[in-house]
Amino acid sequence: MRSKKSKTRRTKKKVSKKVSNDKAFYFNTWQGFTGIKAKSLEEFKKAIKVVPIESLYYHLREDKNDFSAWLRGVLNEKKIADEIDKIKSEMLEGEHLRRAIYFHL
């Protein structure tokens, strides 16, 4: 039986895993790059708190979900990506959208 401490270490390691710049998530708006990028789940979570709302809308457009695609494809965070997919269908706006995304990270 694994100890609680062992599980915490694995979880922490997973959260702090960083990817290279070419696989990082670059937060954009329709005007371009916001200057904010994330190379880990931890950085992504911090960024969600501060990026412009327009960036959230940009990445959760009707025709795509950049957040879940990156979480699933780059960080291999399938469960979180599935939750973000559900948020998109809820049609949340403004800070409600930000809080919902942050909650699932």
C-alpha atoms as a PDB file:
ATOM      1  CA  MET A   1       0.000   0.000   0.000  1.00  0.00           C
ATOM      2  CA  ARG A   2       1.393   3.381  -0.971  1.00  0.00           C
ATOM      3  CA  SER A   3       1.607   6.108   1.549  1.00  0.00           C
ATOM      4  CA  LYS A   4      -0.283   9.374   1.344  1.00  0.00           C
ATOM      5  CA  LYS A   5       3.071  11.153   1.090  1.00  0.00           C
ATOM      6  CA  SER A   6       3.980   9.152  -2.022  1.00  0.00           C
ATOM      7  CA  LYS A   7       0.730  10.117  -3.732  1.00  0.00           C
ATOM      8  CA  THR A   8       1.299  13.790  -2.871  1.00  0.00           C
ATOM      9  CA  ARG A   9       4.759  13.680  -4.433  1.00  0.00           C
ATOM     10  CA  ARG A  10       3.409  12.177  -7.652  1.00  0.00           C
ATOM     11  CA  THR A  11       0.643  14.765  -7.852  1.00  0.00           C
ATOM     12  CA  LYS A  12       3.063  17.597  -7.187  1.00  0.00           C
ATOM     13  CA  LYS A  13       5.469  16.262  -9.813  1.00  0.00           C
ATOM     14  CA  LYS A  14       2.670  16.087 -12.361  1.00  0.00           C
ATOM     15  CA  VAL A  15       1.575  19.662 -11.644  1.00  0.00           C
ATOM     16  CA  SER A  16       5.097  21.032 -11.878  1.00  0.00           C
ATOM     17  CA  LYS A  17       6.013  19.191 -15.111  1.00  0.00           C
ATOM     18  CA  LYS A  18       7.053  21.832 -17.628  1.00  0.00           C
ATOM     19  CA  VAL A  19       7.029  21.611 -21.397  1.00  0.00           C
ATOM     20  CA  SER A  20       9.274  23.428 -23.848  1.00  0.00           C
ATOM     21  CA  ASN A  21       8.414  26.834 -25.313  1.00  0.00           C
ATOM     22  CA  ASP A  22       7.248  25.238 -28.555  1.00  0.00           C
ATOM     23  CA  LYS A  23       4.621  23.235 -26.624  1.00  0.00           C
ATOM     24  CA  ALA A  24       3.663  26.019 -24.205  1.00  0.00           C
ATOM     25  CA  PHE A  25       0.161  27.489 -24.229  1.00  0.00           C
ATOM     26  CA  TYR A  26       0.187  31.044 -25.583  1.00  0.00           C
ATOM     27  CA  PHE A  27      -2.792  33.119 -24.480  1.00  0.00           C
ATOM     28  CA  ASN A  28      -4.124  35.253 -27.317  1.00  0.00           C
ATOM     29  CA  THR A  29      -7.002  37.575 -28.067  1.00  0.00           C
ATOM     30  CA  TRP A  30      -8.272  38.563 -31.491  1.00  0.00           C
ATOM     31  CA  GLN A  31      -5.594  41.296 -31.429  1.00  0.00           C
ATOM     32  CA  GLY A  32      -2.762  38.798 -30.883  1.00  0.00           C
ATOM     33  CA  PHE A  33      -0.524  37.444 -28.125  1.00  0.00           C
ATOM     34  CA  THR A  34      -1.269  38.761 -24.619  1.00  0.00           C
ATOM     35  CA  GLY A  35       2.294  38.279 -23.405  1.00  0.00           C
ATOM     36  CA  ILE A  36       1.196  35.425 -21.132  1.00  0.00           C
ATOM     37  CA  LYS A  37       2.167  31.805 -21.692  1.00  0.00           C
ATOM     38  CA  ALA A  38       2.039  28.615 -19.644  1.00  0.00           C
ATOM     39  CA  LYS A  39       4.449  25.706 -19.741  1.00  0.00           C
ATOM     40  CA  SER A  40       2.857  23.654 -16.955  1.00  0.00           C
ATOM     41  CA  LEU A  41      -0.523  23.051 -15.369  1.00  0.00           C
ATOM     42  CA  GLU A  42       0.537  25.224 -12.451  1.00  0.00           C
ATOM     43  CA  GLU A  43       1.451  28.129 -14.769  1.00  0.00           C
ATOM     44  CA  PHE A  44      -1.774  27.619 -16.733  1.00  0.00           C
ATOM     45  CA  LYS A  45      -3.830  27.867 -13.553  1.00  0.00           C
ATOM     46  CA  LYS A  46      -2.057  31.080 -12.520  1.00  0.00           C
ATOM     47  CA  ALA A  47      -2.533  32.553 -15.993  1.00  0.00           C
ATOM     48  CA  ILE A  48      -6.282  31.834 -16.039  1.00  0.00           C
ATOM     49  CA  LYS A  49      -6.596  34.182 -13.042  1.00  0.00           C
ATOM     50  CA  VAL A  50      -5.024  37.144 -14.859  1.00  0.00           C
ATOM     51  CA  VAL A  51      -5.516  36.877 -18.621  1.00  0.00           C
ATOM     52  CA  PRO A  52      -8.081  39.209 -20.188  1.00  0.00           C
ATOM     53  CA  ILE A  53     -11.585  37.752 -20.428  1.00  0.00           C
ATOM     54  CA  GLU A  54     -11.292  38.241 -24.200  1.00  0.00           C
ATOM     55  CA  SER A  55      -8.522  35.632 -24.186  1.00  0.00           C
ATOM     56  CA  LEU A  56     -10.839  33.103 -22.550  1.00  0.00           C
ATOM     57  CA  TYR A  57     -13.463  33.774 -25.212  1.00  0.00           C
ATOM     58  CA  TYR A  58     -10.853  33.563 -27.965  1.00  0.00           C
ATOM     59  CA  HIS A  59      -9.672  30.120 -26.867  1.00  0.00           C
ATOM     60  CA  LEU A  60     -13.195  28.780 -26.215  1.00  0.00           C
ATOM     61  CA  ARG A  61     -14.714  29.832 -29.515  1.00  0.00           C
ATOM     62  CA  GLU A  62     -17.689  28.072 -30.983  1.00  0.00           C
ATOM     63  CA  ASP A  63     -15.531  26.105 -33.402  1.00  0.00           C
ATOM     64  CA  LYS A  64     -12.774  25.013 -30.996  1.00  0.00           C
ATOM     65  CA  ASN A  65     -11.558  24.615 -27.434  1.00  0.00           C
ATOM     66  CA  ASP A  66      -7.851  25.403 -27.297  1.00  0.00           C
ATOM     67  CA  PHE A  67      -7.704  24.870 -23.537  1.00  0.00           C
ATOM     68  CA  SER A  68      -8.911  21.275 -23.549  1.00  0.00           C
ATOM     69  CA  ALA A  69      -6.883  20.485 -26.685  1.00  0.00           C
ATOM     70  CA  TRP A  70      -3.662  21.641 -24.978  1.00  0.00           C
ATOM     71  CA  LEU A  71      -4.464  20.026 -21.640  1.00  0.00           C
ATOM     72  CA  ARG A  72      -5.291  16.727 -23.330  1.00  0.00           C
ATOM     73  CA  GLY A  73      -2.707  16.706 -26.106  1.00  0.00           C
ATOM     74  CA  VAL A  74       0.328  18.295 -24.454  1.00  0.00           C
ATOM     75  CA  LEU A  75      -0.056  17.723 -20.705  1.00  0.00           C
ATOM     76  CA  ASN A  76      -2.029  14.467 -21.010  1.00  0.00           C
ATOM     77  CA  GLU A  77      -4.620  15.809 -18.543  1.00  0.00           C
ATOM     78  CA  LYS A  78      -7.654  14.020 -19.982  1.00  0.00           C
ATOM     79  CA  LYS A  79      -9.955  14.399 -16.959  1.00  0.00           C
ATOM     80  CA  ILE A  80      -9.348  18.135 -16.688  1.00  0.00           C
ATOM     81  CA  ALA A  81      -9.757  18.537 -20.448  1.00  0.00           C
ATOM     82  CA  ASP A  82     -13.113  16.750 -20.299  1.00  0.00           C
ATOM     83  CA  GLU A  83     -14.289  19.140 -17.573  1.00  0.00           C
ATOM     84  CA  ILE A  84     -13.199  22.163 -19.622  1.00  0.00           C
ATOM     85  CA  ASP A  85     -15.157  20.747 -22.574  1.00  0.00           C
ATOM     86  CA  LYS A  86     -18.274  20.694 -20.385  1.00  0.00           C
ATOM     87  CA  ILE A  87     -17.741  24.327 -19.345  1.00  0.00           C
ATOM     88  CA  LYS A  88     -17.805  25.406 -22.964  1.00  0.00           C
ATOM     89  CA  SER A  89     -21.321  24.029 -23.387  1.00  0.00           C
ATOM     90  CA  GLU A  90     -22.541  25.990 -20.340  1.00  0.00           C
ATOM     91  CA  MET A  91     -22.170  29.298 -22.224  1.00  0.00           C
ATOM     92  CA  LEU A  92     -20.767  31.131 -19.195  1.00  0.00           C
ATOM     93  CA  GLU A  93     -19.634  34.729 -19.483  1.00  0.00           C
ATOM     94  CA  GLY A  94     -17.115  37.036 -17.834  1.00  0.00           C
ATOM     95  CA  GLU A  95     -15.811  36.171 -14.404  1.00  0.00           C
ATOM     96  CA  HIS A  96     -18.231  33.225 -14.169  1.00  0.00           C
ATOM     97  CA  LEU A  97     -16.334  31.623 -17.037  1.00  0.00           C
ATOM     98  CA  ARG A  98     -12.954  32.362 -15.448  1.00  0.00           C
ATOM     99  CA  ARG A  99     -14.030  30.888 -12.092  1.00  0.00           C
ATOM    100  CA  ALA A 100     -15.447  27.762 -13.722  1.00  0.00           C
ATOM    101  CA  ILE A 101     -12.225  27.099 -15.627  1.00  0.00           C
ATOM    102  CA  TYR A 102     -10.075  27.786 -12.570  1.00  0.00           C
ATOM    103  CA  PHE A 103     -12.216  25.507 -10.393  1.00  0.00           C
ATOM    104  CA  HIS A 104     -11.505  22.499 -12.623  1.00  0.00           C
ATOM    105  CA  LEU A 105      -7.769  23.070 -12.743  1.00  0.00           C
END
